[in-house]
Amino acid sequence: MEILLVAVGVFVGILSGFFGIGGGTASVPILLYMGFDIKQAIGISVFQMLMSSIFGFYLHRKNQTYNPSRKVYFGVGGIAGAILGAYLVKVLDYKVLEYLFLGVVVFTLVKLFLSNPQPSKDEIYNPYLYTLIGSGIGIFSGMLGVGGSILMTPILVSFLGFSLKKSSAVGLFFVMFSSFSSFVSLSYFGLMDYKHGLLLGIGSLLGIWMGIWMLKKIKVTHYKTIMVWFYIFIFLITINKILG
């Protein structure tokens, strides 16, 4: 089990760095198949996301992908929202969480499919709007064990004029805030699996370096196509698990 979790962590880390996701979108369904229940999977996923997002922030900072000082408002809102989301994990039924997770995947898939990978308008900068968006996404982040960028990326591309690649990088930056808040909250509620989360996180550190390197190399049009197919895959394995 230990070696398998590290290997899964490498795989999830590659996806995290490449798609700008925290990793929960992929790790939660995989952990469900490995025999963990949804609440265990959420705790393990959050631990991994915290580790990988901090390292991902360092790599993007080194590459000067974006200006983090103007994006920190997303994170401030995400911290507050994730606290509420973590509480909802404690009180909501397993099936409710599973169907909410599925709904988020469907929303993301549709928005990405319809989006333009290159911005068609100027990038919008509004600290208050950033904080509000971060808060809303943070609720889903803490509640579903996803970093939040699964929702952040399509919102930035569709409504705020961000390019697809930049949105992915900013989404991973947001994960650093939301996953920290979720980590503290889930730990407080006794829902954090430290051992398995650490194993998954260790593997993800290598994976996220590989994923960010791949992101820099790929053409943006090819990137959108791969991202859409990735979310189709996540949708299929999640619905199969829920209905099965």
C-alpha atoms as a PDB file:
ATOM      1  CA  MET A   1       0.000   0.000   0.000  1.00  0.00           C
ATOM      2  CA  GLU A   2       2.794   2.454   0.919  1.00  0.00           C
ATOM      3  CA  ILE A   3       4.701   2.081  -2.359  1.00  0.00           C
ATOM      4  CA  LEU A   4       1.474   2.248  -4.338  1.00  0.00           C
ATOM      5  CA  LEU A   5       0.499   5.513  -2.637  1.00  0.00           C
ATOM      6  CA  VAL A   6       3.871   7.094  -3.478  1.00  0.00           C
ATOM      7  CA  ALA A   7       3.465   5.961  -7.104  1.00  0.00           C
ATOM      8  CA  VAL A   8      -0.050   7.400  -7.200  1.00  0.00           C
ATOM      9  CA  GLY A   9       1.413  10.601  -5.734  1.00  0.00           C
ATOM     10  CA  VAL A  10       3.877  10.902  -8.636  1.00  0.00           C
ATOM     11  CA  PHE A  11       1.021  10.439 -11.115  1.00  0.00           C
ATOM     12  CA  VAL A  12      -1.214  12.934  -9.316  1.00  0.00           C
ATOM     13  CA  GLY A  13       1.681  15.411  -9.041  1.00  0.00           C
ATOM     14  CA  ILE A  14       2.227  15.320 -12.811  1.00  0.00           C
ATOM     15  CA  LEU A  15      -1.450  16.069 -13.346  1.00  0.00           C
ATOM     16  CA  SER A  16      -1.301  18.796 -10.700  1.00  0.00           C
ATOM     17  CA  GLY A  17       1.631  20.611 -12.276  1.00  0.00           C
ATOM     18  CA  PHE A  18       0.403  20.153 -15.850  1.00  0.00           C
ATOM     19  CA  PHE A  19      -3.255  21.043 -15.353  1.00  0.00           C
ATOM     20  CA  GLY A  20      -2.805  23.453 -12.434  1.00  0.00           C
ATOM     21  CA  ILE A  21      -5.056  21.411 -10.183  1.00  0.00           C
ATOM     22  CA  GLY A  22      -4.455  20.543  -6.565  1.00  0.00           C
ATOM     23  CA  GLY A  23      -4.688  16.859  -7.415  1.00  0.00           C
ATOM     24  CA  GLY A  24      -7.876  16.020  -5.567  1.00  0.00           C
ATOM     25  CA  THR A  25      -9.790  15.749  -8.829  1.00  0.00           C
ATOM     26  CA  ALA A  26      -7.688  12.717  -9.670  1.00  0.00           C
ATOM     27  CA  SER A  27      -6.629  11.423  -6.253  1.00  0.00           C
ATOM     28  CA  VAL A  28     -10.109  11.242  -4.692  1.00  0.00           C
ATOM     29  CA  PRO A  29     -11.501   8.813  -7.318  1.00  0.00           C
ATOM     30  CA  ILE A  30      -8.278   6.750  -7.223  1.00  0.00           C
ATOM     31  CA  LEU A  31      -8.336   6.556  -3.432  1.00  0.00           C
ATOM     32  CA  LEU A  32     -11.985   5.451  -3.565  1.00  0.00           C
ATOM     33  CA  TYR A  33     -10.967   2.576  -5.828  1.00  0.00           C
ATOM     34  CA  MET A  34      -8.155   1.680  -3.440  1.00  0.00           C
ATOM     35  CA  GLY A  35     -10.698   1.099  -0.676  1.00  0.00           C
ATOM     36  CA  PHE A  36     -10.727   4.398   1.210  1.00  0.00           C
ATOM     37  CA  ASP A  37     -14.117   5.945   1.896  1.00  0.00           C
ATOM     38  CA  ILE A  38     -14.927   9.443   0.600  1.00  0.00           C
ATOM     39  CA  LYS A  39     -14.069  11.233   3.854  1.00  0.00           C
ATOM     40  CA  GLN A  40     -10.727   9.416   4.202  1.00  0.00           C
ATOM     41  CA  ALA A  41      -9.968  10.178   0.553  1.00  0.00           C
ATOM     42  CA  ILE A  42     -10.686  13.869   1.093  1.00  0.00           C
ATOM     43  CA  GLY A  43      -8.301  14.072   4.070  1.00  0.00           C
ATOM     44  CA  ILE A  44      -5.483  12.260   2.259  1.00  0.00           C
ATOM     45  CA  SER A  45      -6.003  14.388  -0.828  1.00  0.00           C
ATOM     46  CA  VAL A  46      -5.840  17.653   1.115  1.00  0.00           C
ATOM     47  CA  PHE A  47      -2.493  16.675   2.703  1.00  0.00           C
ATOM     48  CA  GLN A  48      -1.044  15.907  -0.726  1.00  0.00           C
ATOM     49  CA  MET A  49      -2.371  19.160  -2.182  1.00  0.00           C
ATOM     50  CA  LEU A  50      -0.759  21.235   0.540  1.00  0.00           C
ATOM     51  CA  MET A  51       2.652  19.732  -0.132  1.00  0.00           C
ATOM     52  CA  SER A  52       2.475  19.854  -3.921  1.00  0.00           C
ATOM     53  CA  SER A  53       0.972  23.347  -4.175  1.00  0.00           C
ATOM     54  CA  ILE A  54       3.723  24.896  -2.031  1.00  0.00           C
ATOM     55  CA  PHE A  55       6.362  23.315  -4.257  1.00  0.00           C
ATOM     56  CA  GLY A  56       4.386  24.299  -7.359  1.00  0.00           C
ATOM     57  CA  PHE A  57       4.265  27.917  -6.174  1.00  0.00           C
ATOM     58  CA  TYR A  58       8.052  27.885  -5.767  1.00  0.00           C
ATOM     59  CA  LEU A  59       8.524  26.562  -9.313  1.00  0.00           C
ATOM     60  CA  HIS A  60       6.142  29.081 -10.904  1.00  0.00           C
ATOM     61  CA  ARG A  61       7.699  31.884  -8.864  1.00  0.00           C
ATOM     62  CA  LYS A  62      11.095  30.841 -10.152  1.00  0.00           C
ATOM     63  CA  ASN A  63       9.755  30.869 -13.733  1.00  0.00           C
ATOM     64  CA  GLN A  64       7.972  34.229 -13.165  1.00  0.00           C
ATOM     65  CA  THR A  65       4.739  32.811 -14.576  1.00  0.00           C
ATOM     66  CA  TYR A  66       2.537  35.455 -12.913  1.00  0.00           C
ATOM     67  CA  ASN A  67       2.591  38.228 -10.292  1.00  0.00           C
ATOM     68  CA  PRO A  68       1.479  36.600  -7.009  1.00  0.00           C
ATOM     69  CA  SER A  69       0.901  39.911  -5.202  1.00  0.00           C
ATOM     70  CA  ARG A  70      -2.144  40.626  -7.395  1.00  0.00           C
ATOM     71  CA  LYS A  71      -3.538  37.111  -7.024  1.00  0.00           C
ATOM     72  CA  VAL A  72      -3.313  36.776  -3.241  1.00  0.00           C
ATOM     73  CA  TYR A  73      -6.923  37.970  -2.859  1.00  0.00           C
ATOM     74  CA  PHE A  74      -8.108  34.692  -4.353  1.00  0.00           C
ATOM     75  CA  GLY A  75      -6.219  32.919  -1.597  1.00  0.00           C
ATOM     76  CA  VAL A  76      -7.559  35.114   1.195  1.00  0.00           C
ATOM     77  CA  GLY A  77     -11.109  34.302   0.157  1.00  0.00           C
ATOM     78  CA  GLY A  78     -10.214  30.650  -0.294  1.00  0.00           C
ATOM     79  CA  ILE A  79      -9.023  30.326   3.298  1.00  0.00           C
ATOM     80  CA  ALA A  80     -12.353  31.512   4.671  1.00  0.00           C
ATOM     81  CA  GLY A  81     -14.400  29.395   2.303  1.00  0.00           C
ATOM     82  CA  ALA A  82     -12.405  26.226   2.907  1.00  0.00           C
ATOM     83  CA  ILE A  83     -13.069  26.417   6.663  1.00  0.00           C
ATOM     84  CA  LEU A  84     -16.806  26.234   6.022  1.00  0.00           C
ATOM     85  CA  GLY A  85     -16.280  23.498   3.440  1.00  0.00           C
ATOM     86  CA  ALA A  86     -14.339  21.342   5.881  1.00  0.00           C
ATOM     87  CA  TYR A  87     -17.176  21.641   8.400  1.00  0.00           C
ATOM     88  CA  LEU A  88     -19.639  20.471   5.738  1.00  0.00           C
ATOM     89  CA  VAL A  89     -17.525  17.333   5.228  1.00  0.00           C
ATOM     90  CA  LYS A  90     -18.226  16.467   8.836  1.00  0.00           C
ATOM     91  CA  VAL A  91     -22.002  16.952   8.666  1.00  0.00           C
ATOM     92  CA  LEU A  92     -22.962  15.896   5.122  1.00  0.00           C
ATOM     93  CA  ASP A  93     -23.768  12.354   4.003  1.00  0.00           C
ATOM     94  CA  TYR A  94     -21.263  10.383   1.901  1.00  0.00           C
ATOM     95  CA  LYS A  95     -23.573  10.246  -1.128  1.00  0.00           C
ATOM     96  CA  VAL A  96     -24.165  13.988  -1.060  1.00  0.00           C
ATOM     97  CA  LEU A  97     -20.410  14.595  -1.214  1.00  0.00           C
ATOM     98  CA  GLU A  98     -19.981  12.129  -4.081  1.00  0.00           C
ATOM     99  CA  TYR A  99     -22.691  13.750  -6.205  1.00  0.00           C
ATOM    100  CA  LEU A 100     -21.392  17.238  -5.435  1.00  0.00           C
ATOM    101  CA  PHE A 101     -17.940  16.145  -6.591  1.00  0.00           C
ATOM    102  CA  LEU A 102     -19.467  14.772  -9.790  1.00  0.00           C
ATOM    103  CA  GLY A 103     -21.363  18.021 -10.377  1.00  0.00           C
ATOM    104  CA  VAL A 104     -18.186  20.099 -10.073  1.00  0.00           C
ATOM    105  CA  VAL A 105     -16.452  17.889 -12.647  1.00  0.00           C
ATOM    106  CA  VAL A 106     -19.359  18.265 -15.086  1.00  0.00           C
ATOM    107  CA  PHE A 107     -19.410  22.070 -14.690  1.00  0.00           C
ATOM    108  CA  THR A 108     -15.666  22.290 -15.310  1.00  0.00           C
ATOM    109  CA  LEU A 109     -15.823  20.032 -18.347  1.00  0.00           C
ATOM    110  CA  VAL A 110     -18.561  22.107 -20.008  1.00  0.00           C
ATOM    111  CA  LYS A 111     -16.864  25.461 -19.325  1.00  0.00           C
ATOM    112  CA  LEU A 112     -13.486  24.247 -20.566  1.00  0.00           C
ATOM    113  CA  PHE A 113     -15.007  22.807 -23.726  1.00  0.00           C
ATOM    114  CA  LEU A 114     -16.656  26.145 -24.547  1.00  0.00           C
ATOM    115  CA  SER A 115     -13.714  28.353 -23.556  1.00  0.00           C
ATOM    116  CA  ASN A 116     -11.162  30.045 -25.791  1.00  0.00           C
ATOM    117  CA  PRO A 117      -7.594  29.046 -24.783  1.00  0.00           C
ATOM    118  CA  GLN A 118      -6.371  32.527 -25.738  1.00  0.00           C
ATOM    119  CA  PRO A 119      -7.972  35.543 -23.970  1.00  0.00           C
ATOM    120  CA  SER A 120     -10.537  37.470 -26.037  1.00  0.00           C
ATOM    121  CA  LYS A 121     -10.612  40.449 -23.632  1.00  0.00           C
ATOM    122  CA  ASP A 122      -8.313  42.289 -21.227  1.00  0.00           C
ATOM    123  CA  GLU A 123      -7.558  40.634 -17.908  1.00  0.00           C
ATOM    124  CA  ILE A 124      -9.848  41.928 -15.163  1.00  0.00           C
ATOM    125  CA  TYR A 125      -8.261  42.970 -11.876  1.00  0.00           C
ATOM    126  CA  ASN A 126     -10.626  43.558  -8.947  1.00  0.00           C
ATOM    127  CA  PRO A 127      -9.474  42.621  -5.403  1.00  0.00           C
ATOM    128  CA  TYR A 128     -13.021  42.456  -4.043  1.00  0.00           C
ATOM    129  CA  LEU A 129     -14.196  40.234  -6.883  1.00  0.00           C
ATOM    130  CA  TYR A 130     -11.105  38.044  -6.470  1.00  0.00           C
ATOM    131  CA  THR A 131     -11.880  37.616  -2.753  1.00  0.00           C
ATOM    132  CA  LEU A 132     -15.516  36.757  -3.425  1.00  0.00           C
ATOM    133  CA  ILE A 133     -14.611  34.197  -6.080  1.00  0.00           C
ATOM    134  CA  GLY A 134     -11.968  32.704  -3.800  1.00  0.00           C
ATOM    135  CA  SER A 135     -14.474  32.344  -0.955  1.00  0.00           C
ATOM    136  CA  GLY A 136     -17.014  30.512  -3.103  1.00  0.00           C
ATOM    137  CA  ILE A 137     -14.453  28.177  -4.589  1.00  0.00           C
ATOM    138  CA  GLY A 138     -12.902  27.627  -1.161  1.00  0.00           C
ATOM    139  CA  ILE A 139     -16.176  26.168   0.130  1.00  0.00           C
ATOM    140  CA  PHE A 140     -16.110  23.494  -2.572  1.00  0.00           C
ATOM    141  CA  SER A 141     -12.399  22.972  -1.984  1.00  0.00           C
ATOM    142  CA  GLY A 142     -12.760  22.160   1.706  1.00  0.00           C
ATOM    143  CA  MET A 143     -15.945  20.184   1.179  1.00  0.00           C
ATOM    144  CA  LEU A 144     -14.828  17.953  -1.692  1.00  0.00           C
ATOM    145  CA  GLY A 145     -11.095  17.530  -1.126  1.00  0.00           C
ATOM    146  CA  VAL A 146     -10.180  19.305  -4.351  1.00  0.00           C
ATOM    147  CA  GLY A 147      -7.809  22.256  -4.435  1.00  0.00           C
ATOM    148  CA  GLY A 148     -10.354  24.543  -6.030  1.00  0.00           C
ATOM    149  CA  SER A 149      -8.538  25.167  -9.292  1.00  0.00           C
ATOM    150  CA  ILE A 150     -10.926  22.729 -10.971  1.00  0.00           C
ATOM    151  CA  LEU A 151     -13.389  25.633 -10.697  1.00  0.00           C
ATOM    152  CA  MET A 152     -10.846  28.468 -10.725  1.00  0.00           C
ATOM    153  CA  THR A 153      -9.444  27.725 -14.186  1.00  0.00           C
ATOM    154  CA  PRO A 154     -12.718  27.891 -16.170  1.00  0.00           C
ATOM    155  CA  ILE A 155     -13.846  30.998 -14.247  1.00  0.00           C
ATOM    156  CA  LEU A 156     -10.598  32.859 -14.942  1.00  0.00           C
ATOM    157  CA  VAL A 157     -10.672  31.910 -18.621  1.00  0.00           C
ATOM    158  CA  SER A 158     -14.389  32.427 -19.269  1.00  0.00           C
ATOM    159  CA  PHE A 159     -15.084  35.556 -17.215  1.00  0.00           C
ATOM    160  CA  LEU A 160     -11.863  37.340 -16.222  1.00  0.00           C
ATOM    161  CA  GLY A 161      -9.802  37.306 -19.431  1.00  0.00           C
ATOM    162  CA  PHE A 162      -6.971  35.017 -18.312  1.00  0.00           C
ATOM    163  CA  SER A 163      -5.137  32.761 -20.742  1.00  0.00           C
ATOM    164  CA  LEU A 164      -5.563  29.032 -20.186  1.00  0.00           C
ATOM    165  CA  LYS A 165      -1.968  28.355 -19.164  1.00  0.00           C
ATOM    166  CA  LYS A 166      -1.824  31.335 -16.819  1.00  0.00           C
ATOM    167  CA  SER A 167      -5.148  30.279 -15.292  1.00  0.00           C
ATOM    168  CA  SER A 168      -3.705  26.869 -14.531  1.00  0.00           C
ATOM    169  CA  ALA A 169      -0.709  28.411 -12.766  1.00  0.00           C
ATOM    170  CA  VAL A 170      -2.887  30.815 -10.753  1.00  0.00           C
ATOM    171  CA  GLY A 171      -5.215  27.940  -9.887  1.00  0.00           C
ATOM    172  CA  LEU A 172      -2.333  26.035  -8.331  1.00  0.00           C
ATOM    173  CA  PHE A 173      -1.390  29.185  -6.380  1.00  0.00           C
ATOM    174  CA  PHE A 174      -4.944  29.296  -5.006  1.00  0.00           C
ATOM    175  CA  VAL A 175      -4.640  25.652  -3.951  1.00  0.00           C
ATOM    176  CA  MET A 176      -1.826  26.588  -1.575  1.00  0.00           C
ATOM    177  CA  PHE A 177      -4.220  28.758   0.456  1.00  0.00           C
ATOM    178  CA  SER A 178      -7.327  26.609   0.268  1.00  0.00           C
ATOM    179  CA  SER A 179      -5.515  23.360   1.036  1.00  0.00           C
ATOM    180  CA  PHE A 180      -3.792  24.899   4.076  1.00  0.00           C
ATOM    181  CA  SER A 181      -7.138  26.038   5.436  1.00  0.00           C
ATOM    182  CA  SER A 182      -8.698  22.640   4.693  1.00  0.00           C
ATOM    183  CA  PHE A 183      -5.746  20.855   6.292  1.00  0.00           C
ATOM    184  CA  VAL A 184      -6.121  22.784   9.552  1.00  0.00           C
ATOM    185  CA  SER A 185      -9.900  22.404   9.596  1.00  0.00           C
ATOM    186  CA  LEU A 186      -9.958  18.685   8.771  1.00  0.00           C
ATOM    187  CA  SER A 187      -7.268  18.074  11.377  1.00  0.00           C
ATOM    188  CA  TYR A 188      -9.401  19.856  13.962  1.00  0.00           C
ATOM    189  CA  PHE A 189     -12.421  17.707  13.079  1.00  0.00           C
ATOM    190  CA  GLY A 190     -10.346  14.500  13.231  1.00  0.00           C
ATOM    191  CA  LEU A 191     -10.652  13.780   9.509  1.00  0.00           C
ATOM    192  CA  MET A 192      -6.964  13.943   8.517  1.00  0.00           C
ATOM    193  CA  ASP A 193      -5.028  10.771   7.614  1.00  0.00           C
ATOM    194  CA  TYR A 194      -1.462  12.017   8.137  1.00  0.00           C
ATOM    195  CA  LYS A 195       0.400   8.809   7.272  1.00  0.00           C
ATOM    196  CA  HIS A 196      -1.240   8.119   3.924  1.00  0.00           C
ATOM    197  CA  GLY A 197      -1.423  11.821   3.072  1.00  0.00           C
ATOM    198  CA  LEU A 198       2.317  12.214   3.614  1.00  0.00           C
ATOM    199  CA  LEU A 199       3.096   9.224   1.387  1.00  0.00           C
ATOM    200  CA  LEU A 200       0.910  10.593  -1.398  1.00  0.00           C
ATOM    201  CA  GLY A 201       2.459  14.046  -0.956  1.00  0.00           C
ATOM    202  CA  ILE A 202       6.050  12.800  -1.161  1.00  0.00           C
ATOM    203  CA  GLY A 203       5.400  11.209  -4.525  1.00  0.00           C
ATOM    204  CA  SER A 204       3.618  14.321  -5.793  1.00  0.00           C
ATOM    205  CA  LEU A 205       6.696  16.525  -5.309  1.00  0.00           C
ATOM    206  CA  LEU A 206       8.535  14.739  -8.111  1.00  0.00           C
ATOM    207  CA  GLY A 207       5.418  14.606 -10.217  1.00  0.00           C
ATOM    208  CA  ILE A 208       4.608  18.316  -9.998  1.00  0.00           C
ATOM    209  CA  TRP A 209       8.084  19.275 -11.191  1.00  0.00           C
ATOM    210  CA  MET A 210       7.571  17.053 -14.235  1.00  0.00           C
ATOM    211  CA  GLY A 211       4.081  18.441 -14.864  1.00  0.00           C
ATOM    212  CA  ILE A 212       5.136  22.108 -14.806  1.00  0.00           C
ATOM    213  CA  TRP A 213       8.013  21.323 -17.184  1.00  0.00           C
ATOM    214  CA  MET A 214       5.525  19.712 -19.588  1.00  0.00           C
ATOM    215  CA  LEU A 215       3.186  22.721 -19.296  1.00  0.00           C
ATOM    216  CA  LYS A 216       5.922  25.071 -20.474  1.00  0.00           C
ATOM    217  CA  LYS A 217       6.605  22.962 -23.565  1.00  0.00           C
ATOM    218  CA  ILE A 218       3.109  22.279 -24.941  1.00  0.00           C
ATOM    219  CA  LYS A 219       1.148  24.457 -27.385  1.00  0.00           C
ATOM    220  CA  VAL A 220      -1.930  26.048 -25.834  1.00  0.00           C
ATOM    221  CA  THR A 221      -4.377  24.592 -28.382  1.00  0.00           C
ATOM    222  CA  HIS A 222      -3.100  21.080 -27.698  1.00  0.00           C
ATOM    223  CA  TYR A 223      -3.204  21.860 -23.998  1.00  0.00           C
ATOM    224  CA  LYS A 224      -6.934  22.632 -24.056  1.00  0.00           C
ATOM    225  CA  THR A 225      -7.719  19.407 -25.922  1.00  0.00           C
ATOM    226  CA  ILE A 226      -5.764  17.304 -23.436  1.00  0.00           C
ATOM    227  CA  MET A 227      -7.400  19.088 -20.497  1.00  0.00           C
ATOM    228  CA  VAL A 228     -10.917  18.398 -21.823  1.00  0.00           C
ATOM    229  CA  TRP A 229     -10.141  14.709 -22.298  1.00  0.00           C
ATOM    230  CA  PHE A 230      -8.680  14.569 -18.803  1.00  0.00           C
ATOM    231  CA  TYR A 231     -11.917  15.827 -17.257  1.00  0.00           C
ATOM    232  CA  ILE A 232     -13.955  13.410 -19.374  1.00  0.00           C
ATOM    233  CA  PHE A 233     -11.858  10.610 -17.899  1.00  0.00           C
ATOM    234  CA  ILE A 234     -12.347  11.881 -14.346  1.00  0.00           C
ATOM    235  CA  PHE A 235     -16.096  12.144 -14.964  1.00  0.00           C
ATOM    236  CA  LEU A 236     -16.321   8.561 -16.227  1.00  0.00           C
ATOM    237  CA  ILE A 237     -14.396   6.934 -13.396  1.00  0.00           C
ATOM    238  CA  THR A 238     -16.250   8.984 -10.775  1.00  0.00           C
ATOM    239  CA  ILE A 239     -19.714   8.170 -12.086  1.00  0.00           C
ATOM    240  CA  ASN A 240     -18.757   4.516 -12.452  1.00  0.00           C
ATOM    241  CA  LYS A 241     -17.677   4.424  -8.807  1.00  0.00           C
ATOM    242  CA  ILE A 242     -20.821   6.190  -7.583  1.00  0.00           C
ATOM    243  CA  LEU A 243     -23.286   4.144  -9.605  1.00  0.00           C
ATOM    244  CA  GLY A 244     -21.344   0.901  -9.119  1.00  0.00           C
END
